[in-house]
Amino acid sequence: MKTNIPDIQQPLDTATYDAWFRAQVQASLDDPRPSIPDEEARRIFAIKREKLRQGKKL
């Protein structure tokens, strides 16, 4: 999922960031895909980190 984080090179006002953050949270809540258990997510990211350490593409 692309998050389109506000450009940090520009001064960021609180209202802009708050609106962006709330939109990201709502998009996550609205996502129809099933949640992944914490242990499964940790396992997946551990594999990805190891591949990156070995210089392999994801």
PDB file of N, CA and C in Angstrom:
ATOM      1  N   MET A   1       0.838  -1.166   0.000  1.00  0.00           N
ATOM      2  CA  MET A   1       0.000   0.000   0.000  1.00  0.00           C
ATOM      3  C   MET A   1       0.885   1.232   0.000  1.00  0.00           C
ATOM      4  N   LYS A   2       0.647   2.114  -0.921  1.00  0.00           N
ATOM      5  CA  LYS A   2       1.408   3.359  -0.989  1.00  0.00           C
ATOM      6  C   LYS A   2       0.771   4.353  -0.033  1.00  0.00           C
ATOM      7  N   THR A   3       1.608   4.988   0.790  1.00  0.00           N
ATOM      8  CA  THR A   3       1.072   5.862   1.826  1.00  0.00           C
ATOM      9  C   THR A   3       1.109   7.330   1.469  1.00  0.00           C
ATOM     10  N   ASN A   4       1.892   7.715   0.485  1.00  0.00           N
ATOM     11  CA  ASN A   4       2.010   9.120   0.098  1.00  0.00           C
ATOM     12  C   ASN A   4       2.245  10.019   1.303  1.00  0.00           C
ATOM     13  N   ILE A   5       3.312   9.743   2.020  1.00  0.00           N
ATOM     14  CA  ILE A   5       3.677  10.519   3.191  1.00  0.00           C
ATOM     15  C   ILE A   5       3.908  11.961   2.772  1.00  0.00           C
ATOM     16  N   PRO A   6       3.394  12.911   3.554  1.00  0.00           N
ATOM     17  CA  PRO A   6       3.618  14.324   3.199  1.00  0.00           C
ATOM     18  C   PRO A   6       5.107  14.626   3.075  1.00  0.00           C
ATOM     19  N   ASP A   7       5.445  15.497   2.139  1.00  0.00           N
ATOM     20  CA  ASP A   7       6.837  15.862   1.872  1.00  0.00           C
ATOM     21  C   ASP A   7       7.467  16.497   3.107  1.00  0.00           C
ATOM     22  N   ILE A   8       8.482  15.832   3.680  1.00  0.00           N
ATOM     23  CA  ILE A   8       9.103  16.345   4.901  1.00  0.00           C
ATOM     24  C   ILE A   8      10.080  17.477   4.621  1.00  0.00           C
ATOM     25  N   GLN A   9      10.342  17.754   3.347  1.00  0.00           N
ATOM     26  CA  GLN A   9      11.216  18.867   3.007  1.00  0.00           C
ATOM     27  C   GLN A   9      10.491  20.200   3.171  1.00  0.00           C
ATOM     28  N   GLN A  10       9.181  20.149   3.115  1.00  0.00           N
ATOM     29  CA  GLN A  10       8.373  21.347   3.266  1.00  0.00           C
ATOM     30  C   GLN A  10       7.919  21.462   4.720  1.00  0.00           C
ATOM     31  N   PRO A  11       7.732  22.684   5.205  1.00  0.00           N
ATOM     32  CA  PRO A  11       7.188  22.826   6.568  1.00  0.00           C
ATOM     33  C   PRO A  11       5.839  22.113   6.642  1.00  0.00           C
ATOM     34  N   LEU A  12       5.665  21.314   7.660  1.00  0.00           N
ATOM     35  CA  LEU A  12       4.455  20.504   7.782  1.00  0.00           C
ATOM     36  C   LEU A  12       3.603  21.051   8.917  1.00  0.00           C
ATOM     37  N   ASP A  13       2.412  21.510   8.565  1.00  0.00           N
ATOM     38  CA  ASP A  13       1.557  22.025   9.626  1.00  0.00           C
ATOM     39  C   ASP A  13       0.792  20.866  10.269  1.00  0.00           C
ATOM     40  N   THR A  14       0.390  21.080  11.494  1.00  0.00           N
ATOM     41  CA  THR A  14      -0.258  20.041  12.288  1.00  0.00           C
ATOM     42  C   THR A  14      -1.529  19.534  11.631  1.00  0.00           C
ATOM     43  N   ALA A  15      -2.333  20.427  11.074  1.00  0.00           N
ATOM     44  CA  ALA A  15      -3.598  20.022  10.463  1.00  0.00           C
ATOM     45  C   ALA A  15      -3.381  19.114   9.257  1.00  0.00           C
ATOM     46  N   THR A  16      -2.384  19.417   8.441  1.00  0.00           N
ATOM     47  CA  THR A  16      -2.089  18.592   7.269  1.00  0.00           C
ATOM     48  C   THR A  16      -1.656  17.196   7.687  1.00  0.00           C
ATOM     49  N   TYR A  17      -0.747  17.140   8.648  1.00  0.00           N
ATOM     50  CA  TYR A  17      -0.278  15.838   9.123  1.00  0.00           C
ATOM     51  C   TYR A  17      -1.417  15.059   9.764  1.00  0.00           C
ATOM     52  N   ASP A  18      -2.236  15.718  10.581  1.00  0.00           N
ATOM     53  CA  ASP A  18      -3.344  15.055  11.254  1.00  0.00           C
ATOM     54  C   ASP A  18      -4.308  14.456  10.239  1.00  0.00           C
ATOM     55  N   ALA A  19      -4.625  15.213   9.198  1.00  0.00           N
ATOM     56  CA  ALA A  19      -5.534  14.720   8.158  1.00  0.00           C
ATOM     57  C   ALA A  19      -4.928  13.517   7.438  1.00  0.00           C
ATOM     58  N   TRP A  20      -3.637  13.593   7.128  1.00  0.00           N
ATOM     59  CA  TRP A  20      -2.969  12.473   6.456  1.00  0.00           C
ATOM     60  C   TRP A  20      -2.976  11.233   7.348  1.00  0.00           C
ATOM     61  N   PHE A  21      -2.618  11.424   8.625  1.00  0.00           N
ATOM     62  CA  PHE A  21      -2.550  10.299   9.554  1.00  0.00           C
ATOM     63  C   PHE A  21      -3.917   9.642   9.730  1.00  0.00           C
ATOM     64  N   ARG A  22      -4.945  10.452   9.908  1.00  0.00           N
ATOM     65  CA  ARG A  22      -6.294   9.903  10.073  1.00  0.00           C
ATOM     66  C   ARG A  22      -6.744   9.136   8.817  1.00  0.00           C
ATOM     67  N   ALA A  23      -6.382   9.640   7.654  1.00  0.00           N
ATOM     68  CA  ALA A  23      -6.732   8.946   6.409  1.00  0.00           C
ATOM     69  C   ALA A  23      -6.033   7.597   6.331  1.00  0.00           C
ATOM     70  N   GLN A  24      -4.782   7.523   6.783  1.00  0.00           N
ATOM     71  CA  GLN A  24      -4.052   6.259   6.770  1.00  0.00           C
ATOM     72  C   GLN A  24      -4.684   5.248   7.722  1.00  0.00           C
ATOM     73  N   VAL A  25      -5.060   5.707   8.908  1.00  0.00           N
ATOM     74  CA  VAL A  25      -5.705   4.831   9.886  1.00  0.00           C
ATOM     75  C   VAL A  25      -7.042   4.338   9.339  1.00  0.00           C
ATOM     76  N   GLN A  26      -7.827   5.236   8.761  1.00  0.00           N
ATOM     77  CA  GLN A  26      -9.130   4.828   8.222  1.00  0.00           C
ATOM     78  C   GLN A  26      -8.963   3.840   7.079  1.00  0.00           C
ATOM     79  N   ALA A  27      -7.979   4.061   6.220  1.00  0.00           N
ATOM     80  CA  ALA A  27      -7.734   3.123   5.114  1.00  0.00           C
ATOM     81  C   ALA A  27      -7.391   1.740   5.658  1.00  0.00           C
ATOM     82  N   SER A  28      -6.637   1.703   6.725  1.00  0.00           N
ATOM     83  CA  SER A  28      -6.291   0.421   7.339  1.00  0.00           C
ATOM     84  C   SER A  28      -7.529  -0.253   7.920  1.00  0.00           C
ATOM     85  N   LEU A  29      -8.357   0.510   8.598  1.00  0.00           N
ATOM     86  CA  LEU A  29      -9.583  -0.045   9.182  1.00  0.00           C
ATOM     87  C   LEU A  29     -10.543  -0.545   8.102  1.00  0.00           C
ATOM     88  N   ASP A  30     -10.577   0.149   6.973  1.00  0.00           N
ATOM     89  CA  ASP A  30     -11.487  -0.207   5.881  1.00  0.00           C
ATOM     90  C   ASP A  30     -10.968  -1.342   5.005  1.00  0.00           C
ATOM     91  N   ASP A  31      -9.709  -1.712   5.152  1.00  0.00           N
ATOM     92  CA  ASP A  31      -9.096  -2.753   4.321  1.00  0.00           C
ATOM     93  C   ASP A  31      -9.815  -4.084   4.548  1.00  0.00           C
ATOM     94  N   PRO A  32     -10.387  -4.667   3.489  1.00  0.00           N
ATOM     95  CA  PRO A  32     -11.156  -5.914   3.651  1.00  0.00           C
ATOM     96  C   PRO A  32     -10.294  -7.165   3.823  1.00  0.00           C
ATOM     97  N   ARG A  33      -9.010  -7.037   3.590  1.00  0.00           N
ATOM     98  CA  ARG A  33      -8.159  -8.223   3.723  1.00  0.00           C
ATOM     99  C   ARG A  33      -8.080  -8.667   5.181  1.00  0.00           C
ATOM    100  N   PRO A  34      -7.935  -9.977   5.406  1.00  0.00           N
ATOM    101  CA  PRO A  34      -7.851 -10.452   6.791  1.00  0.00           C
ATOM    102  C   PRO A  34      -6.558  -9.978   7.455  1.00  0.00           C
ATOM    103  N   SER A  35      -6.636  -9.776   8.760  1.00  0.00           N
ATOM    104  CA  SER A  35      -5.458  -9.369   9.519  1.00  0.00           C
ATOM    105  C   SER A  35      -4.458 -10.523   9.576  1.00  0.00           C
ATOM    106  N   ILE A  36      -3.197 -10.175   9.774  1.00  0.00           N
ATOM    107  CA  ILE A  36      -2.141 -11.175   9.909  1.00  0.00           C
ATOM    108  C   ILE A  36      -1.740 -11.208  11.381  1.00  0.00           C
ATOM    109  N   PRO A  37      -1.705 -12.382  11.982  1.00  0.00           N
ATOM    110  CA  PRO A  37      -1.279 -12.473  13.384  1.00  0.00           C
ATOM    111  C   PRO A  37       0.135 -11.908  13.560  1.00  0.00           C
ATOM    112  N   ASP A  38       0.404 -11.343  14.717  1.00  0.00           N
ATOM    113  CA  ASP A  38       1.679 -10.710  15.015  1.00  0.00           C
ATOM    114  C   ASP A  38       2.867 -11.636  14.732  1.00  0.00           C
ATOM    115  N   GLU A  39       2.797 -12.856  15.174  1.00  0.00           N
ATOM    116  CA  GLU A  39       3.911 -13.790  14.970  1.00  0.00           C
ATOM    117  C   GLU A  39       4.181 -14.032  13.487  1.00  0.00           C
ATOM    118  N   GLU A  40       3.129 -14.120  12.695  1.00  0.00           N
ATOM    119  CA  GLU A  40       3.290 -14.323  11.252  1.00  0.00           C
ATOM    120  C   GLU A  40       3.940 -13.098  10.615  1.00  0.00           C
ATOM    121  N   ALA A  41       3.489 -11.900  11.003  1.00  0.00           N
ATOM    122  CA  ALA A  41       4.076 -10.672  10.469  1.00  0.00           C
ATOM    123  C   ALA A  41       5.555 -10.574  10.836  1.00  0.00           C
ATOM    124  N   ARG A  42       5.893 -10.908  12.083  1.00  0.00           N
ATOM    125  CA  ARG A  42       7.293 -10.868  12.515  1.00  0.00           C
ATOM    126  C   ARG A  42       8.146 -11.860  11.718  1.00  0.00           C
ATOM    127  N   ARG A  43       7.590 -13.043  11.446  1.00  0.00           N
ATOM    128  CA  ARG A  43       8.307 -14.054  10.671  1.00  0.00           C
ATOM    129  C   ARG A  43       8.557 -13.561   9.248  1.00  0.00           C
ATOM    130  N   ILE A  44       7.535 -12.976   8.626  1.00  0.00           N
ATOM    131  CA  ILE A  44       7.657 -12.475   7.256  1.00  0.00           C
ATOM    132  C   ILE A  44       8.726 -11.385   7.181  1.00  0.00           C
ATOM    133  N   PHE A  45       8.689 -10.439   8.117  1.00  0.00           N
ATOM    134  CA  PHE A  45       9.657  -9.340   8.080  1.00  0.00           C
ATOM    135  C   PHE A  45      11.061  -9.794   8.438  1.00  0.00           C
ATOM    136  N   ALA A  46      11.184 -10.823   9.267  1.00  0.00           N
ATOM    137  CA  ALA A  46      12.509 -11.372   9.569  1.00  0.00           C
ATOM    138  C   ALA A  46      13.122 -11.965   8.302  1.00  0.00           C
ATOM    139  N   ILE A  47      12.317 -12.641   7.520  1.00  0.00           N
ATOM    140  CA  ILE A  47      12.789 -13.206   6.252  1.00  0.00           C
ATOM    141  C   ILE A  47      13.216 -12.083   5.307  1.00  0.00           C
ATOM    142  N   LYS A  48      12.389 -11.029   5.215  1.00  0.00           N
ATOM    143  CA  LYS A  48      12.726  -9.901   4.343  1.00  0.00           C
ATOM    144  C   LYS A  48      14.015  -9.217   4.786  1.00  0.00           C
ATOM    145  N   ARG A  49      14.172  -9.006   6.096  1.00  0.00           N
ATOM    146  CA  ARG A  49      15.404  -8.382   6.607  1.00  0.00           C
ATOM    147  C   ARG A  49      16.625  -9.224   6.273  1.00  0.00           C
ATOM    148  N   GLU A  50      16.512 -10.524   6.421  1.00  0.00           N
ATOM    149  CA  GLU A  50      17.643 -11.404   6.128  1.00  0.00           C
ATOM    150  C   GLU A  50      17.997 -11.355   4.643  1.00  0.00           C
ATOM    151  N   LYS A  51      17.016 -11.339   3.780  1.00  0.00           N
ATOM    152  CA  LYS A  51      17.276 -11.234   2.342  1.00  0.00           C
ATOM    153  C   LYS A  51      17.996  -9.923   2.020  1.00  0.00           C
ATOM    154  N   LEU A  52      17.553  -8.825   2.648  1.00  0.00           N
ATOM    155  CA  LEU A  52      18.199  -7.540   2.423  1.00  0.00           C
ATOM    156  C   LEU A  52      19.648  -7.565   2.911  1.00  0.00           C
ATOM    157  N   ARG A  53      19.883  -8.190   4.064  1.00  0.00           N
ATOM    158  CA  ARG A  53      21.255  -8.299   4.584  1.00  0.00           C
ATOM    159  C   ARG A  53      22.153  -9.064   3.621  1.00  0.00           C
ATOM    160  N   GLN A  54      21.585 -10.059   2.957  1.00  0.00           N
ATOM    161  CA  GLN A  54      22.359 -10.866   2.026  1.00  0.00           C
ATOM    162  C   GLN A  54      22.445 -10.224   0.649  1.00  0.00           C
ATOM    163  N   GLY A  55      21.839  -9.068   0.491  1.00  0.00           N
ATOM    164  CA  GLY A  55      21.901  -8.346  -0.775  1.00  0.00           C
ATOM    165  C   GLY A  55      20.967  -8.900  -1.842  1.00  0.00           C
ATOM    166  N   LYS A  56      19.999  -9.685  -1.444  1.00  0.00           N
ATOM    167  CA  LYS A  56      19.042 -10.244  -2.398  1.00  0.00           C
ATOM    168  C   LYS A  56      17.870  -9.300  -2.585  1.00  0.00           C
ATOM    169  N   LYS A  57      17.252  -9.379  -3.751  1.00  0.00           N
ATOM    170  CA  LYS A  57      16.058  -8.579  -4.010  1.00  0.00           C
ATOM    171  C   LYS A  57      14.870  -9.231  -3.320  1.00  0.00           C
ATOM    172  N   LEU A  58      13.930  -8.394  -2.929  1.00  0.00           N
ATOM    173  CA  LEU A  58      12.719  -8.911  -2.278  1.00  0.00           C
ATOM    174  C   LEU A  58      11.728  -9.397  -3.283  1.00  0.00           C
TER     175      LEU A  58
END
